[in-house]
Amino acid sequence: MHVAAPVSRVWELVTDIALPARLSPELYRVAWLDGADRAAPYARFEGFNRNDVLGEWRTVSYVVELVEPRVFAWAVTDADGRYGAPTSDPARPMATWRYELAPEDGGTRLHQSVVLGPARSGVDLAIDRWPDRAEQIVATRLADLRAAMATTLDGIAALARH
């Protein structure tokens, strides 16, 4: 999406890990770990999520790419083992989220994406339980993620303009 604000302002917003908890329908609390207080390579933070279908869960994320002011990415791990064996390996995340920013027409082109896997997640648990509904489960989860990203991007754009 195009955001009518300078890259520096949008960067400030996307690297504020508490911001998605204000905007997301699923993520409701986030906190830096290990004494970190801002995005930095390999910094860790925990996130607390809530979903009507999946319930509540905690994740531990690692900043895996930080190219100021262009790219901010983090890998989400299942440190508590909710979906399988506990893992804190950012090379084998449940998901990797990414923001990319570029100057565009006096503002910023902001792109948000997510790659699911390779580690197990709630989608895998649902498919294990209802294998005959795998396509529907994946389609529903992707639709939920797209809607959450749209809400987050709209919120970032609104905040960046003020």
N, C-alpha and C. Protein backbone atom coordinates (compact mmCIF):
# COMPACT_ATOMS: atom_id res chain seq x y z
N MET A 1 0.83 -1.17 0.00
CA MET A 1 0.00 0.00 0.00
C MET A 1 0.88 1.24 0.00
N HIS A 2 0.33 2.31 -0.54
CA HIS A 2 1.01 3.60 -0.49
C HIS A 2 0.62 4.29 0.82
N VAL A 3 1.62 4.80 1.54
CA VAL A 3 1.40 5.53 2.78
C VAL A 3 1.86 6.96 2.55
N ALA A 4 0.99 7.90 2.82
CA ALA A 4 1.30 9.32 2.61
C ALA A 4 2.11 9.86 3.78
N ALA A 5 3.32 9.34 3.93
CA ALA A 5 4.23 9.77 4.98
C ALA A 5 5.64 9.36 4.56
N PRO A 6 6.65 10.06 5.09
CA PRO A 6 8.02 9.71 4.73
C PRO A 6 8.43 8.33 5.24
N VAL A 7 9.37 7.73 4.56
CA VAL A 7 9.87 6.40 4.94
C VAL A 7 10.31 6.39 6.40
N SER A 8 10.96 7.45 6.87
CA SER A 8 11.45 7.49 8.25
C SER A 8 10.30 7.35 9.25
N ARG A 9 9.16 7.97 8.99
CA ARG A 9 8.01 7.87 9.88
C ARG A 9 7.41 6.47 9.85
N VAL A 10 7.28 5.90 8.66
CA VAL A 10 6.72 4.55 8.54
C VAL A 10 7.65 3.54 9.19
N TRP A 11 8.95 3.72 9.01
CA TRP A 11 9.94 2.83 9.63
C TRP A 11 9.79 2.84 11.16
N GLU A 12 9.64 4.02 11.71
CA GLU A 12 9.45 4.16 13.16
C GLU A 12 8.25 3.33 13.63
N LEU A 13 7.19 3.34 12.86
CA LEU A 13 5.98 2.60 13.22
C LEU A 13 6.15 1.09 13.05
N VAL A 14 6.68 0.64 11.93
CA VAL A 14 6.75 -0.81 11.69
C VAL A 14 7.75 -1.50 12.61
N THR A 15 8.75 -0.78 13.10
CA THR A 15 9.73 -1.40 14.01
C THR A 15 9.31 -1.28 15.48
N ASP A 16 8.16 -0.68 15.74
CA ASP A 16 7.59 -0.63 17.09
C ASP A 16 6.78 -1.91 17.28
N ILE A 17 7.35 -2.90 17.96
CA ILE A 17 6.69 -4.21 18.07
C ILE A 17 5.37 -4.15 18.83
N ALA A 18 5.16 -3.10 19.62
CA ALA A 18 3.91 -2.98 20.37
C ALA A 18 2.76 -2.52 19.46
N LEU A 19 3.08 -1.90 18.34
CA LEU A 19 2.04 -1.36 17.47
C LEU A 19 1.09 -2.44 16.94
N PRO A 20 1.56 -3.57 16.43
CA PRO A 20 0.61 -4.57 15.95
C PRO A 20 -0.37 -5.04 17.02
N ALA A 21 0.04 -5.04 18.27
CA ALA A 21 -0.87 -5.45 19.34
C ALA A 21 -2.03 -4.46 19.48
N ARG A 22 -1.81 -3.22 19.06
CA ARG A 22 -2.89 -2.22 19.09
C ARG A 22 -3.80 -2.36 17.87
N LEU A 23 -3.29 -2.93 16.80
CA LEU A 23 -4.01 -2.96 15.54
C LEU A 23 -4.54 -4.34 15.14
N SER A 24 -3.86 -5.37 15.55
CA SER A 24 -4.18 -6.72 15.09
C SER A 24 -5.39 -7.29 15.81
N PRO A 25 -6.23 -8.04 15.08
CA PRO A 25 -7.34 -8.72 15.73
C PRO A 25 -6.89 -9.97 16.50
N GLU A 26 -5.62 -10.38 16.35
CA GLU A 26 -5.16 -11.62 16.96
C GLU A 26 -4.07 -11.40 18.02
N LEU A 27 -3.08 -10.61 17.71
CA LEU A 27 -1.97 -10.33 18.63
C LEU A 27 -2.44 -9.28 19.63
N TYR A 28 -2.34 -9.59 20.93
CA TYR A 28 -2.85 -8.62 21.90
C TYR A 28 -1.81 -8.09 22.88
N ARG A 29 -0.62 -8.71 22.95
CA ARG A 29 0.42 -8.20 23.84
C ARG A 29 1.78 -8.62 23.31
N VAL A 30 2.76 -7.73 23.43
CA VAL A 30 4.11 -7.99 22.95
C VAL A 30 5.10 -7.37 23.94
N ALA A 31 6.23 -8.03 24.16
CA ALA A 31 7.26 -7.47 25.04
C ALA A 31 8.64 -7.93 24.57
N TRP A 32 9.58 -7.00 24.58
CA TRP A 32 10.96 -7.36 24.28
C TRP A 32 11.49 -8.28 25.37
N LEU A 33 12.41 -9.15 25.02
CA LEU A 33 13.08 -10.05 25.96
C LEU A 33 14.56 -9.70 26.06
N ASP A 34 15.22 -10.24 27.04
CA ASP A 34 16.68 -10.12 27.20
C ASP A 34 17.15 -8.67 27.34
N GLY A 35 16.31 -7.79 27.85
CA GLY A 35 16.72 -6.40 28.04
C GLY A 35 16.67 -5.54 26.80
N ALA A 36 16.23 -6.10 25.68
CA ALA A 36 16.12 -5.30 24.44
C ALA A 36 14.99 -4.27 24.61
N ASP A 37 15.13 -3.15 23.91
CA ASP A 37 14.07 -2.15 23.95
C ASP A 37 13.73 -1.61 22.57
N ARG A 38 14.35 -2.19 21.54
CA ARG A 38 14.05 -1.79 20.17
C ARG A 38 14.54 -2.87 19.21
N ALA A 39 14.13 -2.74 17.97
CA ALA A 39 14.53 -3.72 16.96
C ALA A 39 16.04 -3.66 16.73
N ALA A 40 16.64 -4.82 16.76
CA ALA A 40 18.07 -4.98 16.50
C ALA A 40 18.26 -6.41 16.01
N PRO A 41 19.30 -6.68 15.22
CA PRO A 41 19.52 -8.05 14.76
C PRO A 41 19.58 -9.03 15.93
N TYR A 42 18.84 -10.12 15.81
CA TYR A 42 18.77 -11.22 16.77
C TYR A 42 18.04 -10.86 18.07
N ALA A 43 17.50 -9.65 18.20
CA ALA A 43 16.71 -9.31 19.38
C ALA A 43 15.49 -10.23 19.43
N ARG A 44 15.05 -10.55 20.66
CA ARG A 44 13.91 -11.45 20.83
C ARG A 44 12.75 -10.71 21.48
N PHE A 45 11.54 -11.13 21.12
CA PHE A 45 10.36 -10.61 21.80
C PHE A 45 9.31 -11.70 21.86
N GLU A 46 8.45 -11.60 22.88
CA GLU A 46 7.37 -12.57 22.99
C GLU A 46 6.07 -11.90 22.60
N GLY A 47 5.19 -12.70 22.00
CA GLY A 47 3.89 -12.22 21.60
C GLY A 47 2.81 -13.13 22.16
N PHE A 48 1.70 -12.52 22.52
CA PHE A 48 0.56 -13.26 23.04
C PHE A 48 -0.60 -13.06 22.09
N ASN A 49 -1.17 -14.18 21.65
CA ASN A 49 -2.18 -14.18 20.61
C ASN A 49 -3.48 -14.81 21.11
N ARG A 50 -4.57 -14.39 20.45
CA ARG A 50 -5.89 -14.93 20.79
C ARG A 50 -6.69 -15.03 19.50
N ASN A 51 -7.35 -16.19 19.32
CA ASN A 51 -8.14 -16.43 18.13
C ASN A 51 -9.33 -17.29 18.54
N ASP A 52 -10.52 -16.97 18.02
CA ASP A 52 -11.73 -17.71 18.40
C ASP A 52 -11.62 -19.20 18.13
N VAL A 53 -10.93 -19.57 17.08
CA VAL A 53 -10.81 -20.99 16.71
C VAL A 53 -9.58 -21.63 17.36
N LEU A 54 -8.46 -20.92 17.35
CA LEU A 54 -7.20 -21.50 17.82
C LEU A 54 -6.95 -21.32 19.31
N GLY A 55 -7.72 -20.47 19.97
CA GLY A 55 -7.52 -20.24 21.40
C GLY A 55 -6.46 -19.19 21.65
N GLU A 56 -5.68 -19.35 22.73
CA GLU A 56 -4.61 -18.41 23.09
C GLU A 56 -3.28 -19.13 23.06
N TRP A 57 -2.23 -18.39 22.70
CA TRP A 57 -0.90 -18.97 22.68
C TRP A 57 0.16 -17.87 22.74
N ARG A 58 1.37 -18.30 23.15
CA ARG A 58 2.53 -17.40 23.24
C ARG A 58 3.55 -17.84 22.21
N THR A 59 4.23 -16.87 21.64
CA THR A 59 5.32 -17.15 20.71
C THR A 59 6.56 -16.38 21.15
N VAL A 60 7.70 -16.81 20.68
CA VAL A 60 8.94 -16.06 20.84
C VAL A 60 9.48 -15.80 19.45
N SER A 61 9.71 -14.53 19.16
CA SER A 61 10.16 -14.13 17.83
C SER A 61 11.58 -13.58 17.89
N TYR A 62 12.26 -13.71 16.77
CA TYR A 62 13.64 -13.24 16.61
C TYR A 62 13.70 -12.30 15.42
N VAL A 63 14.33 -11.15 15.60
CA VAL A 63 14.55 -10.25 14.48
C VAL A 63 15.60 -10.93 13.59
N VAL A 64 15.21 -11.27 12.37
CA VAL A 64 16.11 -12.02 11.48
C VAL A 64 16.64 -11.17 10.33
N GLU A 65 16.03 -10.00 10.11
CA GLU A 65 16.53 -9.10 9.08
C GLU A 65 16.16 -7.68 9.47
N LEU A 66 17.16 -6.81 9.44
CA LEU A 66 16.95 -5.41 9.79
C LEU A 66 17.87 -4.58 8.91
N VAL A 67 17.30 -3.96 7.90
CA VAL A 67 18.04 -3.10 6.98
C VAL A 67 17.36 -1.73 7.04
N GLU A 68 17.84 -0.88 7.93
CA GLU A 68 17.20 0.42 8.16
C GLU A 68 17.38 1.33 6.96
N PRO A 69 16.37 1.98 6.51
CA PRO A 69 14.95 1.92 6.84
C PRO A 69 14.15 1.15 5.79
N ARG A 70 14.64 0.01 5.36
CA ARG A 70 14.03 -0.69 4.23
C ARG A 70 13.34 -2.02 4.56
N VAL A 71 13.94 -2.83 5.45
CA VAL A 71 13.42 -4.18 5.71
C VAL A 71 13.46 -4.47 7.21
N PHE A 72 12.34 -4.98 7.71
CA PHE A 72 12.25 -5.46 9.09
C PHE A 72 11.52 -6.80 9.03
N ALA A 73 12.21 -7.86 9.49
CA ALA A 73 11.62 -9.20 9.44
C ALA A 73 11.91 -9.94 10.74
N TRP A 74 10.94 -10.77 11.14
CA TRP A 74 11.13 -11.57 12.35
C TRP A 74 10.56 -12.96 12.15
N ALA A 75 11.23 -13.93 12.78
CA ALA A 75 10.83 -15.34 12.72
C ALA A 75 10.13 -15.68 14.02
N VAL A 76 8.97 -16.33 13.92
CA VAL A 76 8.13 -16.67 15.06
C VAL A 76 8.33 -18.14 15.41
N THR A 77 8.69 -18.40 16.66
CA THR A 77 8.92 -19.79 17.08
C THR A 77 7.93 -20.22 18.16
N ASP A 78 7.77 -21.52 18.28
CA ASP A 78 6.88 -22.13 19.26
C ASP A 78 7.71 -22.58 20.46
N ALA A 79 8.18 -21.61 21.24
CA ALA A 79 9.07 -21.91 22.37
C ALA A 79 8.39 -22.76 23.44
N ASP A 80 7.06 -22.72 23.51
CA ASP A 80 6.33 -23.48 24.54
C ASP A 80 5.89 -24.85 24.06
N GLY A 81 6.10 -25.17 22.79
CA GLY A 81 5.73 -26.48 22.27
C GLY A 81 4.24 -26.71 22.15
N ARG A 82 3.49 -25.69 21.89
CA ARG A 82 2.04 -25.84 21.76
C ARG A 82 1.65 -26.69 20.55
N TYR A 83 2.43 -26.62 19.49
CA TYR A 83 2.06 -27.29 18.23
C TYR A 83 2.93 -28.49 17.89
N GLY A 84 3.84 -28.81 18.76
CA GLY A 84 4.77 -29.92 18.53
C GLY A 84 5.89 -29.79 19.55
N ALA A 85 7.05 -30.26 19.20
CA ALA A 85 8.19 -30.13 20.11
C ALA A 85 8.55 -28.65 20.26
N PRO A 86 8.84 -28.21 21.49
CA PRO A 86 9.24 -26.80 21.66
C PRO A 86 10.46 -26.49 20.80
N THR A 87 10.45 -25.31 20.20
CA THR A 87 11.59 -24.90 19.39
C THR A 87 11.80 -23.40 19.53
N SER A 88 13.07 -23.04 19.59
CA SER A 88 13.45 -21.63 19.61
C SER A 88 14.45 -21.37 18.49
N ASP A 89 14.33 -22.12 17.43
CA ASP A 89 15.26 -22.00 16.30
C ASP A 89 14.67 -21.09 15.24
N PRO A 90 15.18 -19.85 15.11
CA PRO A 90 14.63 -18.94 14.10
C PRO A 90 14.84 -19.42 12.67
N ALA A 91 15.68 -20.42 12.46
CA ALA A 91 15.86 -20.99 11.12
C ALA A 91 14.73 -21.96 10.78
N ARG A 92 13.94 -22.36 11.77
CA ARG A 92 12.79 -23.27 11.56
C ARG A 92 11.56 -22.69 12.25
N PRO A 93 11.10 -21.54 11.79
CA PRO A 93 9.99 -20.86 12.46
C PRO A 93 8.62 -21.41 12.06
N MET A 94 7.62 -21.04 12.88
CA MET A 94 6.22 -21.30 12.50
C MET A 94 5.83 -20.35 11.38
N ALA A 95 6.40 -19.15 11.42
CA ALA A 95 6.10 -18.13 10.41
C ALA A 95 7.22 -17.10 10.42
N THR A 96 7.41 -16.46 9.28
CA THR A 96 8.33 -15.33 9.18
C THR A 96 7.56 -14.16 8.60
N TRP A 97 7.52 -13.08 9.37
CA TRP A 97 6.83 -11.85 8.96
C TRP A 97 7.84 -10.85 8.47
N ARG A 98 7.41 -9.99 7.53
CA ARG A 98 8.36 -9.06 6.91
C ARG A 98 7.64 -7.79 6.47
N TYR A 99 8.28 -6.66 6.74
CA TYR A 99 7.87 -5.37 6.18
C TYR A 99 8.97 -4.92 5.24
N GLU A 100 8.56 -4.39 4.09
CA GLU A 100 9.49 -3.77 3.16
C GLU A 100 8.99 -2.36 2.87
N LEU A 101 9.90 -1.40 2.90
CA LEU A 101 9.55 0.00 2.68
C LEU A 101 10.40 0.56 1.54
N ALA A 102 9.80 1.43 0.74
CA ALA A 102 10.52 2.11 -0.34
C ALA A 102 9.88 3.47 -0.57
N PRO A 103 10.70 4.48 -0.89
CA PRO A 103 10.12 5.78 -1.22
C PRO A 103 9.24 5.66 -2.46
N GLU A 104 8.10 6.38 -2.45
CA GLU A 104 7.19 6.34 -3.58
C GLU A 104 6.33 7.60 -3.60
N ASP A 105 6.40 8.36 -4.66
CA ASP A 105 5.52 9.51 -4.88
C ASP A 105 5.38 10.41 -3.65
N GLY A 106 6.49 10.77 -3.04
CA GLY A 106 6.46 11.65 -1.89
C GLY A 106 6.04 10.97 -0.60
N GLY A 107 5.86 9.69 -0.61
CA GLY A 107 5.48 8.92 0.57
C GLY A 107 6.25 7.62 0.62
N THR A 108 5.58 6.57 1.04
CA THR A 108 6.24 5.27 1.23
C THR A 108 5.38 4.15 0.65
N ARG A 109 6.01 3.26 -0.09
CA ARG A 109 5.38 2.00 -0.50
C ARG A 109 5.67 1.03 0.63
N LEU A 110 4.63 0.54 1.28
CA LEU A 110 4.76 -0.39 2.41
C LEU A 110 4.18 -1.74 2.01
N HIS A 111 4.99 -2.77 2.18
CA HIS A 111 4.57 -4.14 1.86
C HIS A 111 4.75 -5.00 3.10
N GLN A 112 3.72 -5.74 3.46
CA GLN A 112 3.81 -6.69 4.57
C GLN A 112 3.55 -8.08 4.02
N SER A 113 4.32 -9.05 4.49
CA SER A 113 4.12 -10.42 4.03
C SER A 113 4.40 -11.39 5.18
N VAL A 114 3.93 -12.61 4.98
CA VAL A 114 4.20 -13.69 5.92
C VAL A 114 4.42 -14.97 5.13
N VAL A 115 5.38 -15.76 5.59
CA VAL A 115 5.62 -17.10 5.06
C VAL A 115 5.37 -18.06 6.21
N LEU A 116 4.47 -19.00 6.02
CA LEU A 116 4.16 -19.97 7.06
C LEU A 116 5.11 -21.15 6.97
N GLY A 117 5.56 -21.63 8.14
CA GLY A 117 6.42 -22.81 8.21
C GLY A 117 7.88 -22.46 8.19
N PRO A 118 8.69 -23.48 8.27
CA PRO A 118 8.39 -24.90 8.12
C PRO A 118 7.91 -25.59 9.40
N ALA A 119 8.05 -24.93 10.57
CA ALA A 119 7.63 -25.58 11.82
C ALA A 119 6.11 -25.69 11.89
N ARG A 120 5.65 -26.57 12.73
CA ARG A 120 4.21 -26.79 12.91
C ARG A 120 3.55 -25.57 13.55
N SER A 121 2.27 -25.43 13.25
CA SER A 121 1.48 -24.34 13.80
C SER A 121 0.06 -24.85 14.05
N GLY A 122 -0.83 -23.96 14.41
CA GLY A 122 -2.23 -24.32 14.63
C GLY A 122 -2.87 -24.90 13.38
N VAL A 123 -2.42 -24.48 12.21
CA VAL A 123 -2.94 -25.03 10.96
C VAL A 123 -2.67 -26.53 10.90
N ASP A 124 -1.47 -26.92 11.31
CA ASP A 124 -1.12 -28.34 11.29
C ASP A 124 -1.99 -29.15 12.26
N LEU A 125 -2.23 -28.56 13.45
CA LEU A 125 -3.08 -29.27 14.41
C LEU A 125 -4.48 -29.48 13.86
N ALA A 126 -5.02 -28.46 13.21
CA ALA A 126 -6.36 -28.57 12.63
C ALA A 126 -6.38 -29.61 11.51
N ILE A 127 -5.37 -29.62 10.68
CA ILE A 127 -5.31 -30.60 9.59
C ILE A 127 -5.14 -32.01 10.14
N ASP A 128 -4.36 -32.16 11.21
CA ASP A 128 -4.23 -33.48 11.85
C ASP A 128 -5.60 -33.99 12.30
N ARG A 129 -6.41 -33.09 12.82
CA ARG A 129 -7.72 -33.47 13.35
C ARG A 129 -8.74 -33.71 12.24
N TRP A 130 -8.69 -32.87 11.19
CA TRP A 130 -9.65 -32.96 10.09
C TRP A 130 -8.91 -33.00 8.74
N PRO A 131 -8.21 -34.07 8.44
CA PRO A 131 -7.42 -34.12 7.21
C PRO A 131 -8.26 -33.94 5.93
N ASP A 132 -9.51 -34.34 5.97
CA ASP A 132 -10.36 -34.20 4.78
C ASP A 132 -10.75 -32.73 4.53
N ARG A 133 -10.47 -31.84 5.48
CA ARG A 133 -10.80 -30.42 5.33
C ARG A 133 -9.55 -29.56 5.18
N ALA A 134 -8.42 -30.15 4.81
CA ALA A 134 -7.14 -29.44 4.76
C ALA A 134 -7.20 -28.18 3.89
N GLU A 135 -7.76 -28.28 2.70
CA GLU A 135 -7.82 -27.11 1.81
C GLU A 135 -8.64 -25.99 2.43
N GLN A 136 -9.76 -26.34 3.04
CA GLN A 136 -10.60 -25.32 3.68
C GLN A 136 -9.89 -24.69 4.87
N ILE A 137 -9.19 -25.49 5.65
CA ILE A 137 -8.45 -24.98 6.82
C ILE A 137 -7.39 -23.99 6.37
N VAL A 138 -6.60 -24.35 5.37
CA VAL A 138 -5.56 -23.46 4.87
C VAL A 138 -6.17 -22.18 4.29
N ALA A 139 -7.22 -22.32 3.49
CA ALA A 139 -7.85 -21.15 2.88
C ALA A 139 -8.41 -20.20 3.94
N THR A 140 -9.01 -20.75 4.98
CA THR A 140 -9.57 -19.93 6.05
C THR A 140 -8.46 -19.20 6.81
N ARG A 141 -7.38 -19.90 7.12
CA ARG A 141 -6.28 -19.26 7.84
C ARG A 141 -5.64 -18.17 7.00
N LEU A 142 -5.43 -18.43 5.72
CA LEU A 142 -4.85 -17.40 4.85
C LEU A 142 -5.77 -16.19 4.75
N ALA A 143 -7.06 -16.40 4.68
CA ALA A 143 -8.01 -15.27 4.65
C ALA A 143 -7.94 -14.47 5.94
N ASP A 144 -7.84 -15.17 7.08
CA ASP A 144 -7.69 -14.48 8.36
C ASP A 144 -6.41 -13.64 8.40
N LEU A 145 -5.32 -14.22 7.93
CA LEU A 145 -4.04 -13.50 7.92
C LEU A 145 -4.09 -12.29 6.99
N ARG A 146 -4.69 -12.45 5.81
CA ARG A 146 -4.82 -11.31 4.89
C ARG A 146 -5.64 -10.18 5.51
N ALA A 147 -6.73 -10.53 6.17
CA ALA A 147 -7.58 -9.52 6.81
C ALA A 147 -6.82 -8.82 7.93
N ALA A 148 -6.07 -9.58 8.73
CA ALA A 148 -5.29 -8.98 9.81
C ALA A 148 -4.22 -8.05 9.26
N MET A 149 -3.56 -8.45 8.17
CA MET A 149 -2.54 -7.59 7.56
C MET A 149 -3.17 -6.31 7.02
N ALA A 150 -4.33 -6.41 6.39
CA ALA A 150 -5.01 -5.21 5.87
C ALA A 150 -5.34 -4.25 7.01
N THR A 151 -5.83 -4.79 8.12
CA THR A 151 -6.15 -3.96 9.28
C THR A 151 -4.89 -3.28 9.81
N THR A 152 -3.82 -4.04 9.92
CA THR A 152 -2.56 -3.49 10.42
C THR A 152 -2.02 -2.42 9.48
N LEU A 153 -2.01 -2.69 8.19
CA LEU A 153 -1.49 -1.70 7.23
C LEU A 153 -2.34 -0.43 7.24
N ASP A 154 -3.66 -0.57 7.29
CA ASP A 154 -4.51 0.60 7.37
C ASP A 154 -4.22 1.41 8.63
N GLY A 155 -4.00 0.74 9.75
CA GLY A 155 -3.69 1.43 11.00
C GLY A 155 -2.35 2.14 10.93
N ILE A 156 -1.35 1.51 10.34
CA ILE A 156 -0.04 2.15 10.18
C ILE A 156 -0.18 3.39 9.31
N ALA A 157 -0.90 3.26 8.21
CA ALA A 157 -1.08 4.40 7.30
C ALA A 157 -1.77 5.55 8.01
N ALA A 158 -2.79 5.27 8.80
CA ALA A 158 -3.50 6.33 9.53
C ALA A 158 -2.59 7.00 10.55
N LEU A 159 -1.83 6.21 11.31
CA LEU A 159 -0.94 6.77 12.30
C LEU A 159 0.19 7.57 11.66
N ALA A 160 0.69 7.10 10.54
CA ALA A 160 1.81 7.78 9.86
C ALA A 160 1.42 9.16 9.37
N ARG A 161 0.16 9.35 9.03
CA ARG A 161 -0.30 10.65 8.51
C ARG A 161 -0.43 11.69 9.63
N HIS A 162 -0.46 11.25 10.88
CA HIS A 162 -0.69 12.20 11.98
C HIS A 162 0.58 12.53 12.72
